[in-house]
PDB file of N, CA and C in Angstrom:
ATOM      1  N   MET A   1      54.392  83.895  96.670  1.00  0.00           N
ATOM      2  CA  MET A   1      54.412  84.306  95.284  1.00  0.00           C
ATOM      3  C   MET A   1      55.841  84.307  94.737  1.00  0.00           C
ATOM      4  N   LEU A   2      56.792  84.695  95.567  1.00  0.00           N
ATOM      5  CA  LEU A   2      58.188  84.704  95.150  1.00  0.00           C
ATOM      6  C   LEU A   2      58.669  83.292  94.834  1.00  0.00           C
ATOM      7  N   LEU A   3      58.204  82.305  95.617  1.00  0.00           N
ATOM      8  CA  LEU A   3      58.605  80.918  95.359  1.00  0.00           C
ATOM      9  C   LEU A   3      58.084  80.438  94.012  1.00  0.00           C
ATOM     10  N   VAL A   4      56.866  80.800  93.674  1.00  0.00           N
ATOM     11  CA  VAL A   4      56.299  80.407  92.376  1.00  0.00           C
ATOM     12  C   VAL A   4      57.102  81.051  91.248  1.00  0.00           C
ATOM     13  N   TYR A   5      57.439  82.315  91.401  1.00  0.00           N
ATOM     14  CA  TYR A   5      58.256  83.015  90.400  1.00  0.00           C
ATOM     15  C   TYR A   5      59.608  82.323  90.238  1.00  0.00           C
ATOM     16  N   LEU A   6      60.283  82.028  91.364  1.00  0.00           N
ATOM     17  CA  LEU A   6      61.580  81.349  91.297  1.00  0.00           C
ATOM     18  C   LEU A   6      61.459  79.977  90.642  1.00  0.00           C
ATOM     19  N   HIS A   7      60.377  79.274  90.945  1.00  0.00           N
ATOM     20  CA  HIS A   7      60.154  77.948  90.360  1.00  0.00           C
ATOM     21  C   HIS A   7      60.051  78.051  88.831  1.00  0.00           C
ATOM     22  N   ILE A   8      59.274  78.983  88.356  1.00  0.00           N
ATOM     23  CA  ILE A   8      59.082  79.140  86.910  1.00  0.00           C
ATOM     24  C   ILE A   8      60.374  79.606  86.233  1.00  0.00           C
ATOM     25  N   ILE A   9      61.053  80.566  86.835  1.00  0.00           N
ATOM     26  CA  ILE A   9      62.294  81.083  86.257  1.00  0.00           C
ATOM     27  C   ILE A   9      63.363  79.999  86.195  1.00  0.00           C
ATOM     28  N   ARG A  10      63.445  79.163  87.202  1.00  0.00           N
ATOM     29  CA  ARG A  10      64.440  78.084  87.216  1.00  0.00           C
ATOM     30  C   ARG A  10      64.154  77.078  86.116  1.00  0.00           C
ATOM     31  N   ILE A  11      62.899  76.766  85.877  1.00  0.00           N
ATOM     32  CA  ILE A  11      62.554  75.834  84.794  1.00  0.00           C
ATOM     33  C   ILE A  11      63.038  76.400  83.457  1.00  0.00           C
ATOM     34  N   HIS A  12      62.733  77.661  83.211  1.00  0.00           N
ATOM     35  CA  HIS A  12      63.150  78.278  81.948  1.00  0.00           C
ATOM     36  C   HIS A  12      64.665  78.436  81.888  1.00  0.00           C
ATOM     37  N   GLY A  13      65.283  78.761  83.011  1.00  0.00           N
ATOM     38  CA  GLY A  13      66.736  78.881  83.044  1.00  0.00           C
ATOM     39  C   GLY A  13      67.423  77.570  82.727  1.00  0.00           C
ATOM     40  N   LEU A  14      66.906  76.485  83.281  1.00  0.00           N
ATOM     41  CA  LEU A  14      67.507  75.173  83.026  1.00  0.00           C
ATOM     42  C   LEU A  14      67.448  74.809  81.549  1.00  0.00           C
ATOM     43  N   THR A  15      66.326  75.077  80.917  1.00  0.00           N
ATOM     44  CA  THR A  15      66.220  74.737  79.496  1.00  0.00           C
ATOM     45  C   THR A  15      67.152  75.600  78.653  1.00  0.00           C
ATOM     46  N   ARG A  16      67.278  76.873  79.005  1.00  0.00           N
ATOM     47  CA  ARG A  16      68.151  77.761  78.227  1.00  0.00           C
ATOM     48  C   ARG A  16      69.622  77.405  78.419  1.00  0.00           C
ATOM     49  N   TYR A  17      70.019  77.122  79.670  1.00  0.00           N
ATOM     50  CA  TYR A  17      71.414  76.754  79.922  1.00  0.00           C
ATOM     51  C   TYR A  17      71.765  75.438  79.234  1.00  0.00           C
ATOM     52  N   ALA A  18      70.843  74.488  79.246  1.00  0.00           N
ATOM     53  CA  ALA A  18      71.108  73.209  78.583  1.00  0.00           C
ATOM     54  C   ALA A  18      71.290  73.418  77.083  1.00  0.00           C
ATOM     55  N   PHE A  19      70.432  74.238  76.494  1.00  0.00           N
ATOM     56  CA  PHE A  19      70.571  74.514  75.062  1.00  0.00           C
ATOM     57  C   PHE A  19      71.884  75.237  74.774  1.00  0.00           C
ATOM     58  N   ALA A  20      72.199  76.244  75.582  1.00  0.00           N
ATOM     59  CA  ALA A  20      73.434  77.004  75.363  1.00  0.00           C
ATOM     60  C   ALA A  20      74.656  76.101  75.468  1.00  0.00           C
ATOM     61  N   THR A  21      74.631  75.171  76.417  1.00  0.00           N
ATOM     62  CA  THR A  21      75.750  74.243  76.571  1.00  0.00           C
ATOM     63  C   THR A  21      75.897  73.364  75.339  1.00  0.00           C
ATOM     64  N   SER A  22      74.771  72.955  74.778  1.00  0.00           N
ATOM     65  CA  SER A  22      74.824  72.026  73.647  1.00  0.00           C
ATOM     66  C   SER A  22      75.331  72.664  72.359  1.00  0.00           C
ATOM     67  N   VAL A  23      75.317  73.982  72.265  1.00  0.00           N
ATOM     68  CA  VAL A  23      75.760  74.632  71.033  1.00  0.00           C
ATOM     69  C   VAL A  23      77.096  75.361  71.184  1.00  0.00           C
ATOM     70  N   CYS A  24      77.723  75.247  72.345  1.00  0.00           N
ATOM     71  CA  CYS A  24      79.011  75.923  72.571  1.00  0.00           C
ATOM     72  C   CYS A  24      80.169  75.050  72.116  1.00  0.00           C
ATOM     73  N   ILE A  25      81.140  75.678  71.532  1.00  0.00           N
ATOM     74  CA  ILE A  25      82.343  74.990  71.084  1.00  0.00           C
ATOM     75  C   ILE A  25      83.494  75.243  72.052  1.00  0.00           C
ATOM     76  N   ARG A  26      83.622  76.481  72.497  1.00  0.00           N
ATOM     77  CA  ARG A  26      84.735  76.830  73.380  1.00  0.00           C
ATOM     78  C   ARG A  26      84.585  76.158  74.739  1.00  0.00           C
ATOM     79  N   GLU A  27      85.672  75.602  75.222  1.00  0.00           N
ATOM     80  CA  GLU A  27      85.655  74.860  76.482  1.00  0.00           C
ATOM     81  C   GLU A  27      85.321  75.760  77.669  1.00  0.00           C
ATOM     82  N   ASP A  28      85.861  76.976  77.708  1.00  0.00           N
ATOM     83  CA  ASP A  28      85.597  77.858  78.840  1.00  0.00           C
ATOM     84  C   ASP A  28      84.127  78.270  78.907  1.00  0.00           C
ATOM     85  N   VAL A  29      83.506  78.478  77.762  1.00  0.00           N
ATOM     86  CA  VAL A  29      82.089  78.845  77.732  1.00  0.00           C
ATOM     87  C   VAL A  29      81.228  77.655  78.138  1.00  0.00           C
ATOM     88  N   ARG A  30      81.592  76.457  77.660  1.00  0.00           N
ATOM     89  CA  ARG A  30      80.849  75.254  78.061  1.00  0.00           C
ATOM     90  C   ARG A  30      80.915  75.058  79.569  1.00  0.00           C
ATOM     91  N   LYS A  31      82.108  75.220  80.144  1.00  0.00           N
ATOM     92  CA  LYS A  31      82.255  75.058  81.596  1.00  0.00           C
ATOM     93  C   LYS A  31      81.413  76.082  82.350  1.00  0.00           C
ATOM     94  N   TYR A  32      81.360  77.297  81.828  1.00  0.00           N
ATOM     95  CA  TYR A  32      80.531  78.334  82.451  1.00  0.00           C
ATOM     96  C   TYR A  32      79.060  77.919  82.466  1.00  0.00           C
ATOM     97  N   PHE A  33      78.540  77.465  81.318  1.00  0.00           N
ATOM     98  CA  PHE A  33      77.135  77.075  81.258  1.00  0.00           C
ATOM     99  C   PHE A  33      76.863  75.818  82.078  1.00  0.00           C
ATOM    100  N   ILE A  34      77.819  74.925  82.161  1.00  0.00           N
ATOM    101  CA  ILE A  34      77.654  73.741  83.012  1.00  0.00           C
ATOM    102  C   ILE A  34      77.554  74.167  84.471  1.00  0.00           C
ATOM    103  N   GLU A  35      78.363  75.121  84.894  1.00  0.00           N
ATOM    104  CA  GLU A  35      78.290  75.642  86.262  1.00  0.00           C
ATOM    105  C   GLU A  35      76.956  76.350  86.500  1.00  0.00           C
ATOM    106  N   CYS A  36      76.503  77.131  85.518  1.00  0.00           N
ATOM    107  CA  CYS A  36      75.193  77.786  85.632  1.00  0.00           C
ATOM    108  C   CYS A  36      74.081  76.756  85.767  1.00  0.00           C
ATOM    109  N   THR A  37      74.155  75.686  84.984  1.00  0.00           N
ATOM    110  CA  THR A  37      73.158  74.620  85.061  1.00  0.00           C
ATOM    111  C   THR A  37      73.177  73.963  86.425  1.00  0.00           C
ATOM    112  N   SER A  38      74.356  73.705  86.951  1.00  0.00           N
ATOM    113  CA  SER A  38      74.487  73.081  88.267  1.00  0.00           C
ATOM    114  C   SER A  38      73.873  73.957  89.358  1.00  0.00           C
ATOM    115  N   GLN A  39      74.168  75.245  89.327  1.00  0.00           N
ATOM    116  CA  GLN A  39      73.597  76.156  90.320  1.00  0.00           C
ATOM    117  C   GLN A  39      72.085  76.264  90.164  1.00  0.00           C
ATOM    118  N   SER A  40      71.605  76.269  88.931  1.00  0.00           N
ATOM    119  CA  SER A  40      70.163  76.329  88.692  1.00  0.00           C
ATOM    120  C   SER A  40      69.470  75.077  89.208  1.00  0.00           C
ATOM    121  N   LEU A  41      70.105  73.920  89.022  1.00  0.00           N
ATOM    122  CA  LEU A  41      69.525  72.677  89.530  1.00  0.00           C
ATOM    123  C   LEU A  41      69.431  72.680  91.048  1.00  0.00           C
ATOM    124  N   GLU A  42      70.465  73.171  91.708  1.00  0.00           N
ATOM    125  CA  GLU A  42      70.434  73.243  93.171  1.00  0.00           C
ATOM    126  C   GLU A  42      69.323  74.172  93.648  1.00  0.00           C
ATOM    127  N   LEU A  43      69.214  75.345  93.034  1.00  0.00           N
ATOM    128  CA  LEU A  43      68.162  76.283  93.417  1.00  0.00           C
ATOM    129  C   LEU A  43      66.788  75.715  93.095  1.00  0.00           C
ATOM    130  N   TYR A  44      66.650  75.080  91.941  1.00  0.00           N
ATOM    131  CA  TYR A  44      65.370  74.467  91.568  1.00  0.00           C
ATOM    132  C   TYR A  44      64.961  73.413  92.593  1.00  0.00           C
ATOM    133  N   ASP A  45      65.909  72.595  93.019  1.00  0.00           N
ATOM    134  CA  ASP A  45      65.614  71.552  93.996  1.00  0.00           C
ATOM    135  C   ASP A  45      65.161  72.157  95.320  1.00  0.00           C
ATOM    136  N   ARG A  46      65.847  73.182  95.782  1.00  0.00           N
ATOM    137  CA  ARG A  46      65.470  73.823  97.050  1.00  0.00           C
ATOM    138  C   ARG A  46      64.108  74.492  96.949  1.00  0.00           C
ATOM    139  N   VAL A  47      63.873  75.242  95.884  1.00  0.00           N
ATOM    140  CA  VAL A  47      62.596  75.935  95.708  1.00  0.00           C
ATOM    141  C   VAL A  47      61.456  74.929  95.583  1.00  0.00           C
ATOM    142  N   THR A  48      61.671  73.852  94.838  1.00  0.00           N
ATOM    143  CA  THR A  48      60.629  72.839  94.672  1.00  0.00           C
ATOM    144  C   THR A  48      60.304  72.164  95.995  1.00  0.00           C
ATOM    145  N   SER A  49      61.311  71.813  96.773  1.00  0.00           N
ATOM    146  CA  SER A  49      61.076  71.176  98.074  1.00  0.00           C
ATOM    147  C   SER A  49      60.292  72.091  99.006  1.00  0.00           C
ATOM    148  N   ILE A  50      60.697  73.341  99.094  1.00  0.00           N
ATOM    149  CA  ILE A  50      59.993  74.293  99.967  1.00  0.00           C
ATOM    150  C   ILE A  50      58.564  74.502  99.485  1.00  0.00           C
ATOM    151  N   SER A  51      58.383  74.663  98.177  1.00  0.00           N
ATOM    152  CA  SER A  51      57.047  74.898  97.623  1.00  0.00           C
ATOM    153  C   SER A  51      56.125  73.708  97.842  1.00  0.00           C
ATOM    154  N   LEU A  52      56.640  72.499  97.687  1.00  0.00           N
ATOM    155  CA  LEU A  52      55.816  71.310  97.927  1.00  0.00           C
ATOM    156  C   LEU A  52      55.447  71.189  99.397  1.00  0.00           C
ATOM    157  N   ASN A  53      56.393  71.472 100.289  1.00  0.00           N
ATOM    158  CA  ASN A  53      56.103  71.410 101.725  1.00  0.00           C
ATOM    159  C   ASN A  53      55.054  72.429 102.138  1.00  0.00           C
ATOM    160  N   LYS A  54      55.044  73.585 101.504  1.00  0.00           N
ATOM    161  CA  LYS A  54      54.071  74.624 101.823  1.00  0.00           C
ATOM    162  C   LYS A  54      52.767  74.455 101.040  1.00  0.00           C
ATOM    163  N   GLY A  55      52.737  73.535 100.094  1.00  0.00           N
ATOM    164  CA  GLY A  55      51.533  73.317  99.293  1.00  0.00           C
ATOM    165  C   GLY A  55      51.287  74.402  98.260  1.00  0.00           C
ATOM    166  N   ILE A  56      52.349  75.079  97.842  1.00  0.00           N
ATOM    167  CA  ILE A  56      52.204  76.191  96.897  1.00  0.00           C
ATOM    168  C   ILE A  56      52.073  75.699  95.457  1.00  0.00           C
ATOM    169  N   ILE A  57      52.839  74.687  95.088  1.00  0.00           N
ATOM    170  CA  ILE A  57      52.763  74.181  93.718  1.00  0.00           C
ATOM    171  C   ILE A  57      52.092  72.808  93.717  1.00  0.00           C
ATOM    172  N   ASN A  58      51.495  72.489  92.618  1.00  0.00           N
ATOM    173  CA  ASN A  58      50.829  71.199  92.466  1.00  0.00           C
ATOM    174  C   ASN A  58      51.771  70.192  91.842  1.00  0.00           C
ATOM    175  N   LYS A  59      51.551  68.942  92.174  1.00  0.00           N
ATOM    176  CA  LYS A  59      52.317  67.880  91.531  1.00  0.00           C
ATOM    177  C   LYS A  59      51.803  67.714  90.104  1.00  0.00           C
ATOM    178  N   PRO A  60      52.676  67.297  89.194  1.00  0.00           N
ATOM    179  CA  PRO A  60      52.231  67.136  87.805  1.00  0.00           C
ATOM    180  C   PRO A  60      51.209  66.008  87.679  1.00  0.00           C
ATOM    181  N   PRO A  61      50.378  66.061  86.656  1.00  0.00           N
ATOM    182  CA  PRO A  61      49.381  65.009  86.472  1.00  0.00           C
ATOM    183  C   PRO A  61      50.042  63.673  86.150  1.00  0.00           C
ATOM    184  N   THR A  62      49.416  62.609  86.607  1.00  0.00           N
ATOM    185  CA  THR A  62      49.903  61.270  86.279  1.00  0.00           C
ATOM    186  C   THR A  62      48.937  60.632  85.294  1.00  0.00           C
ATOM    187  N   LEU A  63      49.486  59.874  84.390  1.00  0.00           N
ATOM    188  CA  LEU A  63      48.682  59.207  83.372  1.00  0.00           C
ATOM    189  C   LEU A  63      48.825  57.705  83.533  1.00  0.00           C
ATOM    190  N   ASN A  64      47.730  57.013  83.383  1.00  0.00           N
ATOM    191  CA  ASN A  64      47.775  55.555  83.427  1.00  0.00           C
ATOM    192  C   ASN A  64      48.348  55.032  82.121  1.00  0.00           C
ATOM    193  N   ASN A  65      49.217  54.053  82.238  1.00  0.00           N
ATOM    194  CA  ASN A  65      49.769  53.439  81.026  1.00  0.00           C
ATOM    195  C   ASN A  65      48.690  52.633  80.326  1.00  0.00           C
ATOM    196  N   GLN A  66      48.593  52.837  79.044  1.00  0.00           N
ATOM    197  CA  GLN A  66      47.611  52.110  78.252  1.00  0.00           C
ATOM    198  C   GLN A  66      48.178  50.751  77.850  1.00  0.00           C
ATOM    199  N   GLN A  67      47.338  49.761  77.826  1.00  0.00           N
ATOM    200  CA  GLN A  67      47.758  48.435  77.389  1.00  0.00           C
ATOM    201  C   GLN A  67      47.905  48.388  75.873  1.00  0.00           C
ATOM    202  N   LYS A  68      47.151  49.246  75.199  1.00  0.00           N
ATOM    203  CA  LYS A  68      47.179  49.270  73.742  1.00  0.00           C
ATOM    204  C   LYS A  68      47.632  50.656  73.285  1.00  0.00           C
ATOM    205  N   ILE A  69      48.529  50.697  72.343  1.00  0.00           N
ATOM    206  CA  ILE A  69      49.017  51.960  71.801  1.00  0.00           C
ATOM    207  C   ILE A  69      48.251  52.257  70.520  1.00  0.00           C
ATOM    208  N   ASP A  70      47.702  53.452  70.451  1.00  0.00           N
ATOM    209  CA  ASP A  70      46.978  53.885  69.257  1.00  0.00           C
ATOM    210  C   ASP A  70      47.834  54.876  68.488  1.00  0.00           C
ATOM    211  N   PHE A  71      48.166  54.530  67.258  1.00  0.00           N
ATOM    212  CA  PHE A  71      48.908  55.435  66.396  1.00  0.00           C
ATOM    213  C   PHE A  71      47.925  56.210  65.544  1.00  0.00           C
ATOM    214  N   GLU A  72      48.213  57.475  65.325  1.00  0.00           N
ATOM    215  CA  GLU A  72      47.353  58.320  64.507  1.00  0.00           C
ATOM    216  C   GLU A  72      47.562  57.964  63.046  1.00  0.00           C
ATOM    217  N   ARG A  73      46.498  57.557  62.386  1.00  0.00           N
ATOM    218  CA  ARG A  73      46.593  57.135  61.000  1.00  0.00           C
ATOM    219  C   ARG A  73      46.025  58.179  60.034  1.00  0.00           C
ATOM    220  N   LYS A  74      45.257  59.085  60.557  1.00  0.00           N
ATOM    221  CA  LYS A  74      44.614  60.076  59.695  1.00  0.00           C
ATOM    222  C   LYS A  74      45.529  61.276  59.486  1.00  0.00           C
ATOM    223  N   GLN A  75      45.326  61.956  58.376  1.00  0.00           N
ATOM    224  CA  GLN A  75      46.108  63.144  58.061  1.00  0.00           C
ATOM    225  C   GLN A  75      45.520  64.403  58.693  1.00  0.00           C
ATOM    226  N   ASN A  76      44.356  64.292  59.301  1.00  0.00           N
ATOM    227  CA  ASN A  76      43.684  65.475  59.838  1.00  0.00           C
ATOM    228  C   ASN A  76      43.882  65.612  61.352  1.00  0.00           C
ATOM    229  N   TYR A  77      45.059  65.319  61.839  1.00  0.00           N
ATOM    230  CA  TYR A  77      45.347  65.373  63.272  1.00  0.00           C
ATOM    231  C   TYR A  77      45.186  66.787  63.824  1.00  0.00           C
ATOM    232  N   LEU A  78      45.459  67.791  63.023  1.00  0.00           N
ATOM    233  CA  LEU A  78      45.410  69.174  63.492  1.00  0.00           C
ATOM    234  C   LEU A  78      44.077  69.860  63.236  1.00  0.00           C
ATOM    235  N   THR A  79      43.052  69.137  62.851  1.00  0.00           N
ATOM    236  CA  THR A  79      41.776  69.772  62.528  1.00  0.00           C
ATOM    237  C   THR A  79      40.879  69.933  63.742  1.00  0.00           C
ATOM    238  N   GLY A  80      41.401  69.805  64.945  1.00  0.00           N
ATOM    239  CA  GLY A  80      40.594  69.929  66.153  1.00  0.00           C
ATOM    240  C   GLY A  80      39.921  71.280  66.302  1.00  0.00           C
ATOM    241  N   LEU A  81      40.482  72.313  65.706  1.00  0.00           N
ATOM    242  CA  LEU A  81      39.872  73.634  65.806  1.00  0.00           C
ATOM    243  C   LEU A  81      38.620  73.751  64.943  1.00  0.00           C
ATOM    244  N   PHE A  82      38.612  73.068  63.814  1.00  0.00           N
ATOM    245  CA  PHE A  82      37.525  73.240  62.862  1.00  0.00           C
ATOM    246  C   PHE A  82      36.670  71.991  62.676  1.00  0.00           C
ATOM    247  N   GLY A  83      37.235  70.833  62.900  1.00  0.00           N
ATOM    248  CA  GLY A  83      36.510  69.592  62.668  1.00  0.00           C
ATOM    249  C   GLY A  83      36.173  68.886  63.970  1.00  0.00           C
ATOM    250  N   LYS A  84      36.182  67.578  63.893  1.00  0.00           N
ATOM    251  CA  LYS A  84      35.871  66.751  65.055  1.00  0.00           C
ATOM    252  C   LYS A  84      36.994  66.883  66.086  1.00  0.00           C
ATOM    253  N   ARG A  85      36.617  67.076  67.332  1.00  0.00           N
ATOM    254  CA  ARG A  85      37.609  67.228  68.398  1.00  0.00           C
ATOM    255  C   ARG A  85      38.212  65.879  68.747  1.00  0.00           C
ATOM    256  N   ARG A  86      39.489  65.909  69.095  1.00  0.00           N
ATOM    257  CA  ARG A  86      40.201  64.706  69.498  1.00  0.00           C
ATOM    258  C   ARG A  86      40.601  64.847  70.960  1.00  0.00           C
ATOM    259  N   PRO A  87      40.911  63.739  71.635  1.00  0.00           N
ATOM    260  CA  PRO A  87      41.369  63.838  73.025  1.00  0.00           C
ATOM    261  C   PRO A  87      42.752  64.485  73.100  1.00  0.00           C
ATOM    262  N   ILE A  88      43.022  65.144  74.201  1.00  0.00           N
ATOM    263  CA  ILE A  88      44.328  65.766  74.414  1.00  0.00           C
ATOM    264  C   ILE A  88      45.356  64.663  74.659  1.00  0.00           C
ATOM    265  N   ASN A  89      46.570  64.825  74.123  1.00  0.00           N
ATOM    266  CA  ASN A  89      47.584  63.783  74.303  1.00  0.00           C
ATOM    267  C   ASN A  89      48.496  64.116  75.489  1.00  0.00           C
ATOM    268  N   ALA A  90      49.377  63.185  75.845  1.00  0.00           N
ATOM    269  CA  ALA A  90      50.209  63.317  77.045  1.00  0.00           C
ATOM    270  C   ALA A  90      51.155  64.510  76.964  1.00  0.00           C
ATOM    271  N   ILE A  91      51.728  64.762  75.808  1.00  0.00           N
ATOM    272  CA  ILE A  91      52.635  65.898  75.656  1.00  0.00           C
ATOM    273  C   ILE A  91      51.882  67.206  75.876  1.00  0.00           C
ATOM    274  N   GLU A  92      50.673  67.288  75.355  1.00  0.00           N
ATOM    275  CA  GLU A  92      49.873  68.497  75.534  1.00  0.00           C
ATOM    276  C   GLU A  92      49.471  68.680  76.993  1.00  0.00           C
ATOM    277  N   ILE A  93      49.168  67.588  77.689  1.00  0.00           N
ATOM    278  CA  ILE A  93      48.826  67.662  79.113  1.00  0.00           C
ATOM    279  C   ILE A  93      50.005  68.203  79.911  1.00  0.00           C
ATOM    280  N   SER A  94      51.209  67.711  79.624  1.00  0.00           N
ATOM    281  CA  SER A  94      52.382  68.196  80.359  1.00  0.00           C
ATOM    282  C   SER A  94      52.648  69.666  80.044  1.00  0.00           C
ATOM    283  N   GLY A  95      52.408  70.086  78.816  1.00  0.00           N
ATOM    284  CA  GLY A  95      52.583  71.492  78.465  1.00  0.00           C
ATOM    285  C   GLY A  95      51.588  72.390  79.178  1.00  0.00           C
ATOM    286  N   VAL A  96      50.343  71.942  79.286  1.00  0.00           N
ATOM    287  CA  VAL A  96      49.330  72.712  80.009  1.00  0.00           C
ATOM    288  C   VAL A  96      49.728  72.848  81.474  1.00  0.00           C
ATOM    289  N   HIS A  97      50.177  71.753  82.077  1.00  0.00           N
ATOM    290  CA  HIS A  97      50.584  71.804  83.488  1.00  0.00           C
ATOM    291  C   HIS A  97      51.780  72.733  83.683  1.00  0.00           C
ATOM    292  N   LEU A  98      52.750  72.664  82.811  1.00  0.00           N
ATOM    293  CA  LEU A  98      53.947  73.496  82.938  1.00  0.00           C
ATOM    294  C   LEU A  98      53.605  74.976  82.833  1.00  0.00           C
ATOM    295  N   ASN A  99      52.642  75.321  81.994  1.00  0.00           N
ATOM    296  CA  ASN A  99      52.311  76.725  81.765  1.00  0.00           C
ATOM    297  C   ASN A  99      51.234  77.269  82.692  1.00  0.00           C
ATOM    298  N   MET A 100      50.784  76.484  83.636  1.00  0.00           N
ATOM    299  CA  MET A 100      49.777  76.974  84.591  1.00  0.00           C
ATOM    300  C   MET A 100      50.426  77.726  85.724  1.00  0.00           C
TER     301      MET A 100
END
């Protein structure tokens, strides 16, 4: 359970450190966040390797590449709650997997 917690915290930490680095002006603060990101990446790599070896976390879903790209032409893309349901898209699939 601790490995799963560390895995989730590292994912969120990496995104926060990356954002913080991108909005910093001062060089010393940027270097600090870059070091934090580096340490988080190392810990994330170790936790992920151990978790995969123990079978604790699942691999992310894979999607087959489509030969044809379908662009959404209708304005009612968000009406899935009230109207006709649409298939889940790749970004939504990755979000569901990340939050499980």
